[in-house]
Amino acid sequence: MRKNLLLLSVAVLLAACADDQHATAPKAPRSGAASRSVADSPPGPNAKPIDQVGWTQAVTITSTPHAVAPGTFGVAMATCPAGTTLVGGGYSLDVATGVPPLVILNTPGIGSTSWNAGASNLNAAGGSSISVTAIARCAS
């Protein structure tokens, strides 16, 4: 029984490795049949030229530091220049002394052309001020 199973396995293996295999690719369209490729499609609203790969230039925009008095909340905004697209962002805090601030806002702005960063100064009245700076990463 094992001998028959071994011979059958060898026969199947040889048949699978034969040179006269049939093609598995789809047949070419019949003459006169309509054919359409992706290249024939109209570009979308955010399409880039097909010869361009990825972004060609990236720039980092930093807002003016926004001072936040003790016990208050402040927001800074960094806006991308015209012709660029916001691809990311972040923030920077400047804390001299006292209680560390609470970052409440770190997100793209409305319309995704700017980055907003906001922090709450948890120091009591009379404590030290902090400053928050928004950072936008823009590409074109």
C-alpha atoms as a PDB file:
ATOM      1  CA  MET A   1       0.000   0.000   0.000  1.00  0.00           C
ATOM      2  CA  ARG A   2       2.807   2.410   0.884  1.00  0.00           C
ATOM      3  CA  LYS A   3       4.598   1.536  -2.346  1.00  0.00           C
ATOM      4  CA  ASN A   4       1.493   2.425  -4.382  1.00  0.00           C
ATOM      5  CA  LEU A   5       1.060   5.699  -2.481  1.00  0.00           C
ATOM      6  CA  LEU A   6       4.726   6.580  -3.085  1.00  0.00           C
ATOM      7  CA  LEU A   7       4.430   5.817  -6.810  1.00  0.00           C
ATOM      8  CA  LEU A   8       1.245   7.912  -7.045  1.00  0.00           C
ATOM      9  CA  SER A   9       2.967  10.840  -5.291  1.00  0.00           C
ATOM     10  CA  VAL A  10       5.919  10.678  -7.676  1.00  0.00           C
ATOM     11  CA  ALA A  11       3.578  10.590 -10.676  1.00  0.00           C
ATOM     12  CA  VAL A  12       1.667  13.667  -9.438  1.00  0.00           C
ATOM     13  CA  LEU A  13       4.928  15.528  -8.796  1.00  0.00           C
ATOM     14  CA  LEU A  14       6.250  14.743 -12.278  1.00  0.00           C
ATOM     15  CA  ALA A  15       2.996  15.830 -13.868  1.00  0.00           C
ATOM     16  CA  ALA A  16       3.109  19.118 -11.958  1.00  0.00           C
ATOM     17  CA  CYS A  17       6.656  19.797 -13.131  1.00  0.00           C
ATOM     18  CA  ALA A  18       6.027  18.949 -16.786  1.00  0.00           C
ATOM     19  CA  ASP A  19       7.115  21.476 -19.419  1.00  0.00           C
ATOM     20  CA  ASP A  20       3.809  21.477 -21.295  1.00  0.00           C
ATOM     21  CA  GLN A  21       1.815  23.361 -18.653  1.00  0.00           C
ATOM     22  CA  HIS A  22      -1.120  25.483 -19.714  1.00  0.00           C
ATOM     23  CA  ALA A  23      -0.971  29.222 -19.151  1.00  0.00           C
ATOM     24  CA  THR A  24      -2.944  30.487 -16.158  1.00  0.00           C
ATOM     25  CA  ALA A  25      -3.010  34.112 -17.273  1.00  0.00           C
ATOM     26  CA  PRO A  26      -6.260  35.461 -18.720  1.00  0.00           C
ATOM     27  CA  LYS A  27      -6.565  35.382 -22.481  1.00  0.00           C
ATOM     28  CA  ALA A  28      -6.079  38.574 -24.437  1.00  0.00           C
ATOM     29  CA  PRO A  29      -9.328  40.404 -25.231  1.00  0.00           C
ATOM     30  CA  ARG A  30     -10.964  39.431 -28.499  1.00  0.00           C
ATOM     31  CA  SER A  31     -10.504  41.827 -31.337  1.00  0.00           C
ATOM     32  CA  GLY A  32     -13.044  44.591 -31.190  1.00  0.00           C
ATOM     33  CA  ALA A  33     -13.563  44.113 -27.431  1.00  0.00           C
ATOM     34  CA  ALA A  34     -13.425  47.292 -25.360  1.00  0.00           C
ATOM     35  CA  SER A  35     -10.482  47.577 -23.022  1.00  0.00           C
ATOM     36  CA  ARG A  36      -9.725  50.282 -20.479  1.00  0.00           C
ATOM     37  CA  SER A  37      -6.698  50.733 -18.260  1.00  0.00           C
ATOM     38  CA  VAL A  38      -6.143  52.856 -15.177  1.00  0.00           C
ATOM     39  CA  ALA A  39      -4.080  55.259 -17.287  1.00  0.00           C
ATOM     40  CA  ASP A  40      -7.197  55.998 -19.359  1.00  0.00           C
ATOM     41  CA  SER A  41      -9.125  57.175 -16.288  1.00  0.00           C
ATOM     42  CA  PRO A  42      -9.452  60.911 -15.643  1.00  0.00           C
ATOM     43  CA  PRO A  43      -7.335  62.175 -12.736  1.00  0.00           C
ATOM     44  CA  GLY A  44      -8.970  62.695  -9.351  1.00  0.00           C
ATOM     45  CA  PRO A  45      -9.204  66.080  -7.596  1.00  0.00           C
ATOM     46  CA  ASN A  46      -5.927  65.531  -5.681  1.00  0.00           C
ATOM     47  CA  ALA A  47      -4.020  63.777  -8.478  1.00  0.00           C
ATOM     48  CA  LYS A  48      -0.336  64.417  -8.966  1.00  0.00           C
ATOM     49  CA  PRO A  49       1.484  64.057 -12.289  1.00  0.00           C
ATOM     50  CA  ILE A  50       2.213  60.398 -13.056  1.00  0.00           C
ATOM     51  CA  ASP A  51       5.921  61.086 -13.560  1.00  0.00           C
ATOM     52  CA  GLN A  52       6.285  62.498 -10.038  1.00  0.00           C
ATOM     53  CA  VAL A  53       6.864  60.127  -7.156  1.00  0.00           C
ATOM     54  CA  GLY A  54       5.807  61.348  -3.698  1.00  0.00           C
ATOM     55  CA  TRP A  55       6.429  64.789  -2.305  1.00  0.00           C
ATOM     56  CA  THR A  56       9.229  66.900  -3.727  1.00  0.00           C
ATOM     57  CA  GLN A  57       9.704  69.397  -0.915  1.00  0.00           C
ATOM     58  CA  ALA A  58       8.938  69.466   2.804  1.00  0.00           C
ATOM     59  CA  VAL A  59       9.039  72.479   5.097  1.00  0.00           C
ATOM     60  CA  THR A  60       8.543  72.932   8.834  1.00  0.00           C
ATOM     61  CA  ILE A  61       6.552  75.985   9.944  1.00  0.00           C
ATOM     62  CA  THR A  62       6.829  77.104  13.564  1.00  0.00           C
ATOM     63  CA  SER A  63       4.344  79.512  15.109  1.00  0.00           C
ATOM     64  CA  THR A  64       5.296  82.426  17.308  1.00  0.00           C
ATOM     65  CA  PRO A  65       5.493  81.221  20.930  1.00  0.00           C
ATOM     66  CA  HIS A  66       2.188  81.986  22.671  1.00  0.00           C
ATOM     67  CA  ALA A  67       2.561  83.016  26.333  1.00  0.00           C
ATOM     68  CA  VAL A  68       0.067  81.393  28.699  1.00  0.00           C
ATOM     69  CA  ALA A  69      -0.490  83.134  32.024  1.00  0.00           C
ATOM     70  CA  PRO A  70      -0.947  81.082  35.234  1.00  0.00           C
ATOM     71  CA  GLY A  71      -4.399  79.544  35.541  1.00  0.00           C
ATOM     72  CA  THR A  72      -5.292  80.090  31.856  1.00  0.00           C
ATOM     73  CA  PHE A  73      -5.355  78.186  28.571  1.00  0.00           C
ATOM     74  CA  GLY A  74      -3.602  79.271  25.369  1.00  0.00           C
ATOM     75  CA  VAL A  75      -3.500  78.085  21.756  1.00  0.00           C
ATOM     76  CA  ALA A  76      -0.826  78.541  19.093  1.00  0.00           C
ATOM     77  CA  MET A  77      -1.367  77.895  15.370  1.00  0.00           C
ATOM     78  CA  ALA A  78       1.172  77.186  12.609  1.00  0.00           C
ATOM     79  CA  THR A  79      -0.210  77.570   9.063  1.00  0.00           C
ATOM     80  CA  CYS A  80       1.218  75.929   5.939  1.00  0.00           C
ATOM     81  CA  PRO A  81       2.159  78.218   3.052  1.00  0.00           C
ATOM     82  CA  ALA A  82      -0.066  78.351  -0.030  1.00  0.00           C
ATOM     83  CA  GLY A  83       0.545  75.457  -2.416  1.00  0.00           C
ATOM     84  CA  THR A  84       1.562  73.015   0.312  1.00  0.00           C
ATOM     85  CA  THR A  85      -0.326  70.303   2.168  1.00  0.00           C
ATOM     86  CA  LEU A  86      -0.273  69.667   5.898  1.00  0.00           C
ATOM     87  CA  VAL A  87       1.220  66.204   6.530  1.00  0.00           C
ATOM     88  CA  GLY A  88       1.817  66.356  10.294  1.00  0.00           C
ATOM     89  CA  GLY A  89       2.606  68.528  13.247  1.00  0.00           C
ATOM     90  CA  GLY A  90       3.327  68.843  16.924  1.00  0.00           C
ATOM     91  CA  TYR A  91       4.132  71.308  19.662  1.00  0.00           C
ATOM     92  CA  SER A  92       6.869  72.677  21.854  1.00  0.00           C
ATOM     93  CA  LEU A  93       6.503  73.881  25.440  1.00  0.00           C
ATOM     94  CA  ASP A  94       8.710  76.312  27.326  1.00  0.00           C
ATOM     95  CA  VAL A  95       8.350  75.885  31.070  1.00  0.00           C
ATOM     96  CA  ALA A  96      10.716  77.782  33.358  1.00  0.00           C
ATOM     97  CA  THR A  97       9.553  76.574  36.784  1.00  0.00           C
ATOM     98  CA  GLY A  98       6.452  75.383  38.559  1.00  0.00           C
ATOM     99  CA  VAL A  99       3.842  72.791  37.706  1.00  0.00           C
ATOM    100  CA  PRO A 100       4.161  71.204  34.225  1.00  0.00           C
ATOM    101  CA  PRO A 101       1.391  72.343  31.862  1.00  0.00           C
ATOM    102  CA  LEU A 102      -1.400  70.114  30.602  1.00  0.00           C
ATOM    103  CA  VAL A 103      -1.436  69.775  26.801  1.00  0.00           C
ATOM    104  CA  ILE A 104      -5.083  69.773  25.773  1.00  0.00           C
ATOM    105  CA  LEU A 105      -4.865  70.405  22.043  1.00  0.00           C
ATOM    106  CA  ASN A 106      -2.467  68.863  19.511  1.00  0.00           C
ATOM    107  CA  THR A 107      -4.366  68.449  16.231  1.00  0.00           C
ATOM    108  CA  PRO A 108      -4.782  69.671  12.635  1.00  0.00           C
ATOM    109  CA  GLY A 109      -6.825  72.838  12.299  1.00  0.00           C
ATOM    110  CA  ILE A 110     -10.085  73.208  10.395  1.00  0.00           C
ATOM    111  CA  GLY A 111      -9.480  72.640   6.696  1.00  0.00           C
ATOM    112  CA  SER A 112      -6.208  70.806   7.432  1.00  0.00           C
ATOM    113  CA  THR A 113      -3.955  73.705   6.420  1.00  0.00           C
ATOM    114  CA  SER A 114      -2.675  74.428   9.919  1.00  0.00           C
ATOM    115  CA  TRP A 115      -1.626  72.687  13.127  1.00  0.00           C
ATOM    116  CA  ASN A 116      -3.048  73.780  16.498  1.00  0.00           C
ATOM    117  CA  ALA A 117      -1.420  73.236  19.871  1.00  0.00           C
ATOM    118  CA  GLY A 118      -2.926  74.301  23.191  1.00  0.00           C
ATOM    119  CA  ALA A 119      -1.852  73.993  26.795  1.00  0.00           C
ATOM    120  CA  SER A 120      -3.294  74.837  30.169  1.00  0.00           C
ATOM    121  CA  ASN A 121      -0.984  76.540  32.666  1.00  0.00           C
ATOM    122  CA  LEU A 122      -1.700  74.772  35.952  1.00  0.00           C
ATOM    123  CA  ASN A 123       0.362  77.178  38.047  1.00  0.00           C
ATOM    124  CA  ALA A 124      -1.585  79.213  40.571  1.00  0.00           C
ATOM    125  CA  ALA A 125      -1.947  82.968  40.248  1.00  0.00           C
ATOM    126  CA  GLY A 126       1.404  84.645  40.743  1.00  0.00           C
ATOM    127  CA  GLY A 127       3.236  81.552  39.369  1.00  0.00           C
ATOM    128  CA  SER A 128       5.367  81.419  36.269  1.00  0.00           C
ATOM    129  CA  SER A 129       4.071  81.745  32.729  1.00  0.00           C
ATOM    130  CA  ILE A 130       4.625  79.091  30.096  1.00  0.00           C
ATOM    131  CA  SER A 131       4.678  79.310  26.321  1.00  0.00           C
ATOM    132  CA  VAL A 132       3.316  76.910  23.709  1.00  0.00           C
ATOM    133  CA  THR A 133       4.513  76.767  20.102  1.00  0.00           C
ATOM    134  CA  ALA A 134       2.727  74.912  17.283  1.00  0.00           C
ATOM    135  CA  ILE A 135       4.765  73.122  14.638  1.00  0.00           C
ATOM    136  CA  ALA A 136       3.323  72.232  11.203  1.00  0.00           C
ATOM    137  CA  ARG A 137       5.023  69.906   8.718  1.00  0.00           C
ATOM    138  CA  CYS A 138       4.008  70.851   5.172  1.00  0.00           C
ATOM    139  CA  ALA A 139       4.825  69.216   1.847  1.00  0.00           C
ATOM    140  CA  SER A 140       4.444  70.053  -1.826  1.00  0.00           C
END
